[in-house]
Amino acid sequence: IVYARNRLLAALRLTEWKQVEVKDTSFTSPSPI
Protein backbone atom coordinates (compact mmCIF):
# COMPACT_ATOMS: atom_id res chain seq x y z
CA ILE A 1 0.00 0.00 0.00
CA VAL A 2 2.64 2.58 0.97
CA TYR A 3 4.73 1.83 -2.11
CA ALA A 4 1.72 2.09 -4.45
CA ARG A 5 0.54 5.32 -2.79
CA ASN A 6 3.96 6.90 -3.28
CA ARG A 7 3.99 5.88 -6.93
CA LEU A 8 0.58 7.49 -7.42
CA LEU A 9 1.72 10.68 -5.67
CA ALA A 10 4.84 10.82 -7.85
CA ALA A 11 2.79 10.35 -11.03
CA LEU A 12 0.53 13.23 -9.94
CA ARG A 13 3.51 15.36 -8.83
CA LEU A 14 2.31 15.55 -5.25
CA THR A 15 4.92 15.68 -2.48
CA GLU A 16 2.66 15.82 0.58
CA TRP A 17 0.25 13.31 2.01
CA LYS A 18 -2.13 13.35 4.92
CA GLN A 19 -4.47 10.62 6.05
CA VAL A 20 -8.02 11.01 4.78
CA GLU A 21 -11.20 9.20 5.66
CA VAL A 22 -12.69 7.16 2.84
CA LYS A 23 -16.37 6.44 3.33
CA ASP A 24 -17.32 5.07 -0.08
CA THR A 25 -15.40 1.87 -0.90
CA SER A 26 -18.11 0.14 -2.91
CA PHE A 27 -16.57 0.69 -6.34
CA THR A 28 -16.88 -2.24 -8.75
CA SER A 29 -14.79 -0.40 -11.33
CA PRO A 30 -11.96 2.12 -10.98
CA SER A 31 -13.43 4.29 -13.75
CA PRO A 32 -15.31 6.83 -11.54
CA ILE A 33 -12.27 7.24 -9.28
PDB file of all heavy atoms in Angstrom:
ATOM      1  N   ILE A   1       0.823  -1.216   0.000  1.00  0.00           N
ATOM      2  CA  ILE A   1       0.000   0.000   0.000  1.00  0.00           C
ATOM      3  C   ILE A   1       0.852   1.259   0.000  1.00  0.00           C
ATOM      4  O   ILE A   1       0.626   2.177  -0.812  1.00  0.00           O
ATOM      5  CB  ILE A   1      -0.968  -0.005   1.207  1.00  0.00           C
ATOM      6  CG1 ILE A   1      -2.104  -0.995   0.963  1.00  0.00           C
ATOM      7  CG2 ILE A   1      -1.540   1.400   1.446  1.00  0.00           C
ATOM      8  CD1 ILE A   1      -3.066  -1.136   2.137  1.00  0.00           C
ATOM      9  N   VAL A   2       1.820   1.355   0.886  1.00  0.00           N
ATOM     10  CA  VAL A   2       2.640   2.580   0.972  1.00  0.00           C
ATOM     11  C   VAL A   2       3.402   2.793  -0.335  1.00  0.00           C
ATOM     12  O   VAL A   2       3.463   3.916  -0.862  1.00  0.00           O
ATOM     13  CB  VAL A   2       3.603   2.503   2.169  1.00  0.00           C
ATOM     14  CG1 VAL A   2       4.594   3.672   2.150  1.00  0.00           C
ATOM     15  CG2 VAL A   2       2.820   2.496   3.475  1.00  0.00           C
ATOM     16  N   TYR A   3       3.979   1.726  -0.854  1.00  0.00           N
ATOM     17  CA  TYR A   3       4.731   1.829  -2.109  1.00  0.00           C
ATOM     18  C   TYR A   3       3.826   2.314  -3.242  1.00  0.00           C
ATOM     19  O   TYR A   3       4.187   3.230  -3.997  1.00  0.00           O
ATOM     20  CB  TYR A   3       5.318   0.462  -2.449  1.00  0.00           C
ATOM     21  CG  TYR A   3       5.973   0.378  -3.804  1.00  0.00           C
ATOM     22  CD1 TYR A   3       7.237   0.908  -4.026  1.00  0.00           C
ATOM     23  CD2 TYR A   3       5.320  -0.238  -4.880  1.00  0.00           C
ATOM     24  CE1 TYR A   3       7.841   0.835  -5.278  1.00  0.00           C
ATOM     25  CE2 TYR A   3       5.905  -0.313  -6.131  1.00  0.00           C
ATOM     26  CZ  TYR A   3       7.170   0.223  -6.325  1.00  0.00           C
ATOM     27  OH  TYR A   3       7.757   0.154  -7.561  1.00  0.00           O
ATOM     28  N   ALA A   4       2.639   1.711  -3.379  1.00  0.00           N
ATOM     29  CA  ALA A   4       1.717   2.094  -4.450  1.00  0.00           C
ATOM     30  C   ALA A   4       1.249   3.531  -4.280  1.00  0.00           C
ATOM     31  O   ALA A   4       1.146   4.287  -5.255  1.00  0.00           O
ATOM     32  CB  ALA A   4       0.521   1.138  -4.475  1.00  0.00           C
ATOM     33  N   ARG A   5       0.966   3.933  -3.023  1.00  0.00           N
ATOM     34  CA  ARG A   5       0.539   5.319  -2.787  1.00  0.00           C
ATOM     35  C   ARG A   5       1.618   6.298  -3.219  1.00  0.00           C
ATOM     36  O   ARG A   5       1.337   7.324  -3.867  1.00  0.00           O
ATOM     37  CB  ARG A   5       0.210   5.518  -1.308  1.00  0.00           C
ATOM     38  CG  ARG A   5      -0.262   6.942  -0.987  1.00  0.00           C
ATOM     39  CD  ARG A   5      -0.399   7.151   0.511  1.00  0.00           C
ATOM     40  NE  ARG A   5      -1.484   6.339   1.056  1.00  0.00           N
ATOM     41  CZ  ARG A   5      -1.359   5.561   2.122  1.00  0.00           C
ATOM     42  NH1 ARG A   5      -0.195   5.470   2.737  1.00  0.00           N
ATOM     43  NH2 ARG A   5      -2.386   4.883   2.568  1.00  0.00           N
ATOM     44  N   ASN A   6       2.867   5.998  -2.908  1.00  0.00           N
ATOM     45  CA  ASN A   6       3.961   6.898  -3.283  1.00  0.00           C
ATOM     46  C   ASN A   6       4.146   6.956  -4.796  1.00  0.00           C
ATOM     47  O   ASN A   6       4.497   8.002  -5.352  1.00  0.00           O
ATOM     48  CB  ASN A   6       5.256   6.471  -2.598  1.00  0.00           C
ATOM     49  CG  ASN A   6       5.283   6.861  -1.136  1.00  0.00           C
ATOM     50  OD1 ASN A   6       4.649   7.841  -0.734  1.00  0.00           O
ATOM     51  ND2 ASN A   6       6.014   6.109  -0.330  1.00  0.00           N
ATOM     52  N   ARG A   7       3.904   5.867  -5.464  1.00  0.00           N
ATOM     53  CA  ARG A   7       3.995   5.876  -6.926  1.00  0.00           C
ATOM     54  C   ARG A   7       2.889   6.742  -7.521  1.00  0.00           C
ATOM     55  O   ARG A   7       3.108   7.477  -8.498  1.00  0.00           O
ATOM     56  CB  ARG A   7       3.901   4.452  -7.479  1.00  0.00           C
ATOM     57  CG  ARG A   7       5.135   3.602  -7.172  1.00  0.00           C
ATOM     58  CD  ARG A   7       5.105   2.308  -7.942  1.00  0.00           C
ATOM     59  NE  ARG A   7       5.192   2.567  -9.377  1.00  0.00           N
ATOM     60  CZ  ARG A   7       4.794   1.716 -10.313  1.00  0.00           C
ATOM     61  NH1 ARG A   7       4.250   0.571  -9.976  1.00  0.00           N
ATOM     62  NH2 ARG A   7       4.918   2.016 -11.587  1.00  0.00           N
ATOM     63  N   LEU A   8       1.682   6.653  -6.955  1.00  0.00           N
ATOM     64  CA  LEU A   8       0.580   7.486  -7.423  1.00  0.00           C
ATOM     65  C   LEU A   8       0.866   8.964  -7.169  1.00  0.00           C
ATOM     66  O   LEU A   8       0.632   9.814  -8.033  1.00  0.00           O
ATOM     67  CB  LEU A   8      -0.718   7.082  -6.726  1.00  0.00           C
ATOM     68  CG  LEU A   8      -1.338   5.752  -7.181  1.00  0.00           C
ATOM     69  CD1 LEU A   8      -2.414   5.298  -6.204  1.00  0.00           C
ATOM     70  CD2 LEU A   8      -1.918   5.876  -8.593  1.00  0.00           C
ATOM     71  N   LEU A   9       1.385   9.281  -5.987  1.00  0.00           N
ATOM     72  CA  LEU A   9       1.722  10.677  -5.672  1.00  0.00           C
ATOM     73  C   LEU A   9       2.779  11.203  -6.637  1.00  0.00           C
ATOM     74  O   LEU A   9       2.692  12.346  -7.108  1.00  0.00           O
ATOM     75  CB  LEU A   9       2.219  10.788  -4.230  1.00  0.00           C
ATOM     76  CG  LEU A   9       1.203  10.480  -3.124  1.00  0.00           C
ATOM     77  CD1 LEU A   9       1.879  10.574  -1.758  1.00  0.00           C
ATOM     78  CD2 LEU A   9       0.017  11.436  -3.194  1.00  0.00           C
ATOM     79  N   ALA A  10       3.782  10.383  -6.931  1.00  0.00           N
ATOM     80  CA  ALA A  10       4.840  10.817  -7.850  1.00  0.00           C
ATOM     81  C   ALA A  10       4.273  11.070  -9.250  1.00  0.00           C
ATOM     82  O   ALA A  10       4.614  12.061  -9.904  1.00  0.00           O
ATOM     83  CB  ALA A  10       5.943   9.758  -7.908  1.00  0.00           C
ATOM     84  N   ALA A  11       3.388  10.179  -9.704  1.00  0.00           N
ATOM     85  CA  ALA A  11       2.790  10.355 -11.034  1.00  0.00           C
ATOM     86  C   ALA A  11       1.998  11.649 -11.105  1.00  0.00           C
ATOM     87  O   ALA A  11       1.987  12.323 -12.145  1.00  0.00           O
ATOM     88  CB  ALA A  11       1.892   9.159 -11.362  1.00  0.00           C
ATOM     89  N   LEU A  12       1.356  12.024  -9.987  1.00  0.00           N
ATOM     90  CA  LEU A  12       0.526  13.232  -9.942  1.00  0.00           C
ATOM     91  C   LEU A  12       1.304  14.452  -9.457  1.00  0.00           C
ATOM     92  O   LEU A  12       0.722  15.527  -9.262  1.00  0.00           O
ATOM     93  CB  LEU A  12      -0.687  12.984  -9.032  1.00  0.00           C
ATOM     94  CG  LEU A  12      -1.638  11.898  -9.528  1.00  0.00           C
ATOM     95  CD1 LEU A  12      -2.651  11.528  -8.448  1.00  0.00           C
ATOM     96  CD2 LEU A  12      -2.344  12.332 -10.806  1.00  0.00           C
ATOM     97  N   ARG A  13       2.600  14.268  -9.255  1.00  0.00           N
ATOM     98  CA  ARG A  13       3.506  15.356  -8.832  1.00  0.00           C
ATOM     99  C   ARG A  13       3.050  15.984  -7.512  1.00  0.00           C
ATOM    100  O   ARG A  13       3.071  17.205  -7.338  1.00  0.00           O
ATOM    101  CB  ARG A  13       3.628  16.418  -9.936  1.00  0.00           C
ATOM    102  CG  ARG A  13       4.190  15.822 -11.230  1.00  0.00           C
ATOM    103  CD  ARG A  13       4.268  16.839 -12.340  1.00  0.00           C
ATOM    104  NE  ARG A  13       4.511  16.174 -13.616  1.00  0.00           N
ATOM    105  CZ  ARG A  13       4.484  16.775 -14.796  1.00  0.00           C
ATOM    106  NH1 ARG A  13       4.216  18.060 -14.861  1.00  0.00           N
ATOM    107  NH2 ARG A  13       4.719  16.105 -15.905  1.00  0.00           N
ATOM    108  N   LEU A  14       2.657  15.126  -6.610  1.00  0.00           N
ATOM    109  CA  LEU A  14       2.305  15.547  -5.250  1.00  0.00           C
ATOM    110  C   LEU A  14       3.419  15.114  -4.304  1.00  0.00           C
ATOM    111  O   LEU A  14       3.902  13.980  -4.383  1.00  0.00           O
ATOM    112  CB  LEU A  14       0.981  14.899  -4.817  1.00  0.00           C
ATOM    113  CG  LEU A  14      -0.286  15.379  -5.537  1.00  0.00           C
ATOM    114  CD1 LEU A  14      -1.454  14.461  -5.211  1.00  0.00           C
ATOM    115  CD2 LEU A  14      -0.612  16.811  -5.137  1.00  0.00           C
ATOM    116  N   THR A  15       3.829  16.004  -3.415  1.00  0.00           N
ATOM    117  CA  THR A  15       4.917  15.681  -2.484  1.00  0.00           C
ATOM    118  C   THR A  15       4.443  15.554  -1.046  1.00  0.00           C
ATOM    119  O   THR A  15       5.223  15.181  -0.169  1.00  0.00           O
ATOM    120  CB  THR A  15       6.019  16.766  -2.550  1.00  0.00           C
ATOM    121  OG1 THR A  15       5.419  18.035  -2.269  1.00  0.00           O
ATOM    122  CG2 THR A  15       6.659  16.789  -3.937  1.00  0.00           C
ATOM    123  N   GLU A  16       3.195  15.904  -0.779  1.00  0.00           N
ATOM    124  CA  GLU A  16       2.658  15.823   0.579  1.00  0.00           C
ATOM    125  C   GLU A  16       1.510  14.818   0.631  1.00  0.00           C
ATOM    126  O   GLU A  16       0.795  14.606  -0.343  1.00  0.00           O
ATOM    127  CB  GLU A  16       2.143  17.200   1.028  1.00  0.00           C
ATOM    128  CG  GLU A  16       3.221  18.276   1.094  1.00  0.00           C
ATOM    129  CD  GLU A  16       4.243  18.013   2.179  1.00  0.00           C
ATOM    130  OE1 GLU A  16       3.891  17.327   3.180  1.00  0.00           O
ATOM    131  OE2 GLU A  16       5.391  18.460   2.033  1.00  0.00           O
ATOM    132  N   TRP A  17       1.332  14.246   1.803  1.00  0.00           N
ATOM    133  CA  TRP A  17       0.247  13.308   2.011  1.00  0.00           C
ATOM    134  C   TRP A  17      -0.272  13.451   3.427  1.00  0.00           C
ATOM    135  O   TRP A  17       0.514  13.632   4.378  1.00  0.00           O
ATOM    136  CB  TRP A  17       0.716  11.873   1.797  1.00  0.00           C
ATOM    137  CG  TRP A  17      -0.340  10.857   2.201  1.00  0.00           C
ATOM    138  CD1 TRP A  17      -0.402  10.134   3.342  1.00  0.00           C
ATOM    139  CD2 TRP A  17      -1.503  10.524   1.445  1.00  0.00           C
ATOM    140  NE1 TRP A  17      -1.521   9.339   3.362  1.00  0.00           N
ATOM    141  CE2 TRP A  17      -2.226   9.559   2.187  1.00  0.00           C
ATOM    142  CE3 TRP A  17      -2.007  10.937   0.210  1.00  0.00           C
ATOM    143  CZ2 TRP A  17      -3.421   9.012   1.745  1.00  0.00           C
ATOM    144  CZ3 TRP A  17      -3.189  10.382  -0.231  1.00  0.00           C
ATOM    145  CH2 TRP A  17      -3.884   9.435   0.526  1.00  0.00           C
ATOM    146  N   LYS A  18      -1.549  13.411   3.581  1.00  0.00           N
ATOM    147  CA  LYS A  18      -2.132  13.346   4.917  1.00  0.00           C
ATOM    148  C   LYS A  18      -3.266  12.333   4.876  1.00  0.00           C
ATOM    149  O   LYS A  18      -3.933  12.156   3.858  1.00  0.00           O
ATOM    150  CB  LYS A  18      -2.651  14.720   5.363  1.00  0.00           C
ATOM    151  CG  LYS A  18      -3.767  15.302   4.516  1.00  0.00           C
ATOM    152  CD  LYS A  18      -4.208  16.650   5.071  1.00  0.00           C
ATOM    153  CE  LYS A  18      -5.349  17.244   4.215  1.00  0.00           C
ATOM    154  NZ  LYS A  18      -5.796  18.542   4.734  1.00  0.00           N
ATOM    155  N   GLN A  19      -3.458  11.663   5.994  1.00  0.00           N
ATOM    156  CA  GLN A  19      -4.473  10.621   6.048  1.00  0.00           C
ATOM    157  C   GLN A  19      -5.858  11.214   5.851  1.00  0.00           C
ATOM    158  O   GLN A  19      -6.191  12.251   6.427  1.00  0.00           O
ATOM    159  CB  GLN A  19      -4.414   9.902   7.403  1.00  0.00           C
ATOM    160  CG  GLN A  19      -5.195   8.605   7.433  1.00  0.00           C
ATOM    161  CD  GLN A  19      -4.625   7.549   6.489  1.00  0.00           C
ATOM    162  OE1 GLN A  19      -3.408   7.382   6.419  1.00  0.00           O
ATOM    163  NE2 GLN A  19      -5.492   6.883   5.748  1.00  0.00           N
ATOM    164  N   VAL A  20      -6.648  10.563   5.032  1.00  0.00           N
ATOM    165  CA  VAL A  20      -8.019  11.014   4.782  1.00  0.00           C
ATOM    166  C   VAL A  20      -8.976   9.854   5.044  1.00  0.00           C
ATOM    167  O   VAL A  20      -8.601   8.682   4.940  1.00  0.00           O
ATOM    168  CB  VAL A  20      -8.201  11.525   3.333  1.00  0.00           C
ATOM    169  CG1 VAL A  20      -7.402  12.787   3.093  1.00  0.00           C
ATOM    170  CG2 VAL A  20      -7.814  10.457   2.323  1.00  0.00           C
ATOM    171  N   GLU A  21     -10.192  10.219   5.402  1.00  0.00           N
ATOM    172  CA  GLU A  21     -11.203   9.197   5.663  1.00  0.00           C
ATOM    173  C   GLU A  21     -11.935   8.873   4.358  1.00  0.00           C
ATOM    174  O   GLU A  21     -12.404   9.779   3.672  1.00  0.00           O
ATOM    175  CB  GLU A  21     -12.210   9.688   6.701  1.00  0.00           C
ATOM    176  CG  GLU A  21     -13.255   8.642   7.065  1.00  0.00           C
ATOM    177  CD  GLU A  21     -14.269   9.158   8.084  1.00  0.00           C
ATOM    178  OE1 GLU A  21     -14.146  10.335   8.491  1.00  0.00           O
ATOM    179  OE2 GLU A  21     -15.176   8.387   8.437  1.00  0.00           O
ATOM    180  N   VAL A  22     -11.999   7.611   4.040  1.00  0.00           N
ATOM    181  CA  VAL A  22     -12.688   7.160   2.840  1.00  0.00           C
ATOM    182  C   VAL A  22     -13.950   6.431   3.259  1.00  0.00           C
ATOM    183  O   VAL A  22     -13.894   5.369   3.880  1.00  0.00           O
ATOM    184  CB  VAL A  22     -11.791   6.246   1.989  1.00  0.00           C
ATOM    185  CG1 VAL A  22     -12.553   5.741   0.775  1.00  0.00           C
ATOM    186  CG2 VAL A  22     -10.542   6.992   1.552  1.00  0.00           C
ATOM    187  N   LYS A  23     -15.088   7.032   2.933  1.00  0.00           N
ATOM    188  CA  LYS A  23     -16.371   6.445   3.334  1.00  0.00           C
ATOM    189  C   LYS A  23     -16.914   5.494   2.276  1.00  0.00           C
ATOM    190  O   LYS A  23     -17.468   4.451   2.591  1.00  0.00           O
ATOM    191  CB  LYS A  23     -17.389   7.552   3.621  1.00  0.00           C
ATOM    192  CG  LYS A  23     -16.996   8.443   4.799  1.00  0.00           C
ATOM    193  CD  LYS A  23     -18.030   9.532   5.016  1.00  0.00           C
ATOM    194  CE  LYS A  23     -17.627  10.435   6.178  1.00  0.00           C
ATOM    195  NZ  LYS A  23     -18.616  11.533   6.383  1.00  0.00           N
ATOM    196  N   ASP A  24     -16.759   5.871   1.001  1.00  0.00           N
ATOM    197  CA  ASP A  24     -17.319   5.066  -0.081  1.00  0.00           C
ATOM    198  C   ASP A  24     -16.247   4.139  -0.636  1.00  0.00           C
ATOM    199  O   ASP A  24     -15.300   4.582  -1.280  1.00  0.00           O
ATOM    200  CB  ASP A  24     -17.860   5.969  -1.189  1.00  0.00           C
ATOM    201  CG  ASP A  24     -18.613   5.167  -2.255  1.00  0.00           C
ATOM    202  OD1 ASP A  24     -18.680   3.934  -2.125  1.00  0.00           O
ATOM    203  OD2 ASP A  24     -19.130   5.787  -3.199  1.00  0.00           O
ATOM    204  N   THR A  25     -16.361   2.851  -0.371  1.00  0.00           N
ATOM    205  CA  THR A  25     -15.402   1.874  -0.898  1.00  0.00           C
ATOM    206  C   THR A  25     -16.123   0.785  -1.698  1.00  0.00           C
ATOM    207  O   THR A  25     -15.641  -0.332  -1.818  1.00  0.00           O
ATOM    208  CB  THR A  25     -14.615   1.219   0.256  1.00  0.00           C
ATOM    209  OG1 THR A  25     -15.552   0.558   1.124  1.00  0.00           O
ATOM    210  CG2 THR A  25     -13.827   2.240   1.049  1.00  0.00           C
ATOM    211  N   SER A  26     -17.278   1.144  -2.236  1.00  0.00           N
ATOM    212  CA  SER A  26     -18.110   0.143  -2.912  1.00  0.00           C
ATOM    213  C   SER A  26     -17.905   0.120  -4.422  1.00  0.00           C
ATOM    214  O   SER A  26     -18.784  -0.313  -5.155  1.00  0.00           O
ATOM    215  CB  SER A  26     -19.590   0.416  -2.607  1.00  0.00           C
ATOM    216  OG  SER A  26     -19.959   1.715  -3.065  1.00  0.00           O
ATOM    217  N   PHE A  27     -16.786   0.603  -4.899  1.00  0.00           N
ATOM    218  CA  PHE A  27     -16.566   0.695  -6.344  1.00  0.00           C
ATOM    219  C   PHE A  27     -16.336  -0.688  -6.954  1.00  0.00           C
ATOM    220  O   PHE A  27     -15.498  -1.452  -6.484  1.00  0.00           O
ATOM    221  CB  PHE A  27     -15.368   1.592  -6.645  1.00  0.00           C
ATOM    222  CG  PHE A  27     -15.582   3.031  -6.262  1.00  0.00           C
ATOM    223  CD1 PHE A  27     -15.088   3.526  -5.063  1.00  0.00           C
ATOM    224  CD2 PHE A  27     -16.285   3.883  -7.087  1.00  0.00           C
ATOM    225  CE1 PHE A  27     -15.286   4.846  -4.710  1.00  0.00           C
ATOM    226  CE2 PHE A  27     -16.492   5.208  -6.738  1.00  0.00           C
ATOM    227  CZ  PHE A  27     -15.991   5.686  -5.543  1.00  0.00           C
ATOM    228  N   THR A  28     -17.086  -0.994  -8.006  1.00  0.00           N
ATOM    229  CA  THR A  28     -16.878  -2.238  -8.745  1.00  0.00           C
ATOM    230  C   THR A  28     -15.954  -2.022  -9.940  1.00  0.00           C
ATOM    231  O   THR A  28     -15.539  -2.976 -10.587  1.00  0.00           O
ATOM    232  CB  THR A  28     -18.219  -2.813  -9.238  1.00  0.00           C
ATOM    233  OG1 THR A  28     -18.873  -1.827 -10.047  1.00  0.00           O
ATOM    234  CG2 THR A  28     -19.116  -3.164  -8.052  1.00  0.00           C
ATOM    235  N   SER A  29     -15.682  -0.767 -10.237  1.00  0.00           N
ATOM    236  CA  SER A  29     -14.789  -0.400 -11.334  1.00  0.00           C
ATOM    237  C   SER A  29     -13.994   0.818 -10.902  1.00  0.00           C
ATOM    238  O   SER A  29     -14.506   1.675 -10.177  1.00  0.00           O
ATOM    239  CB  SER A  29     -15.596  -0.071 -12.601  1.00  0.00           C
ATOM    240  OG  SER A  29     -14.807   0.627 -13.544  1.00  0.00           O
ATOM    241  N   PRO A  30     -12.741   0.929 -11.333  1.00  0.00           N
ATOM    242  CA  PRO A  30     -11.958   2.116 -10.979  1.00  0.00           C
ATOM    243  C   PRO A  30     -12.323   3.352 -11.804  1.00  0.00           C
ATOM    244  O   PRO A  30     -11.837   4.445 -11.510  1.00  0.00           O
ATOM    245  CB  PRO A  30     -10.515   1.684 -11.262  1.00  0.00           C
ATOM    246  CG  PRO A  30     -10.656   0.702 -12.384  1.00  0.00           C
ATOM    247  CD  PRO A  30     -11.944  -0.035 -12.119  1.00  0.00           C
ATOM    248  N   SER A  31     -13.164   3.188 -12.817  1.00  0.00           N
ATOM    249  CA  SER A  31     -13.434   4.292 -13.746  1.00  0.00           C
ATOM    250  C   SER A  31     -13.898   5.576 -13.075  1.00  0.00           C
ATOM    251  O   SER A  31     -13.355   6.652 -13.367  1.00  0.00           O
ATOM    252  CB  SER A  31     -14.449   3.856 -14.803  1.00  0.00           C
ATOM    253  OG  SER A  31     -13.919   2.844 -15.621  1.00  0.00           O
ATOM    254  N   PRO A  32     -14.890   5.559 -12.158  1.00  0.00           N
ATOM    255  CA  PRO A  32     -15.313   6.826 -11.543  1.00  0.00           C
ATOM    256  C   PRO A  32     -14.217   7.476 -10.700  1.00  0.00           C
ATOM    257  O   PRO A  32     -14.136   8.703 -10.635  1.00  0.00           O
ATOM    258  CB  PRO A  32     -16.526   6.428 -10.689  1.00  0.00           C
ATOM    259  CG  PRO A  32     -16.437   4.960 -10.522  1.00  0.00           C
ATOM    260  CD  PRO A  32     -15.751   4.434 -11.735  1.00  0.00           C
ATOM    261  N   ILE A  33     -13.380   6.668 -10.058  1.00  0.00           N
ATOM    262  CA  ILE A  33     -12.270   7.236  -9.280  1.00  0.00           C
ATOM    263  C   ILE A  33     -11.261   7.882 -10.223  1.00  0.00           C
ATOM    264  O   ILE A  33     -10.791   9.004  -9.984  1.00  0.00           O
ATOM    265  CB  ILE A  33     -11.569   6.145  -8.443  1.00  0.00           C
ATOM    266  CG1 ILE A  33     -12.575   5.348  -7.614  1.00  0.00           C
ATOM    267  CG2 ILE A  33     -10.517   6.764  -7.530  1.00  0.00           C
ATOM    268  CD1 ILE A  33     -11.988   4.116  -6.931  1.00  0.00           C
TER     269      ILE A  33
END
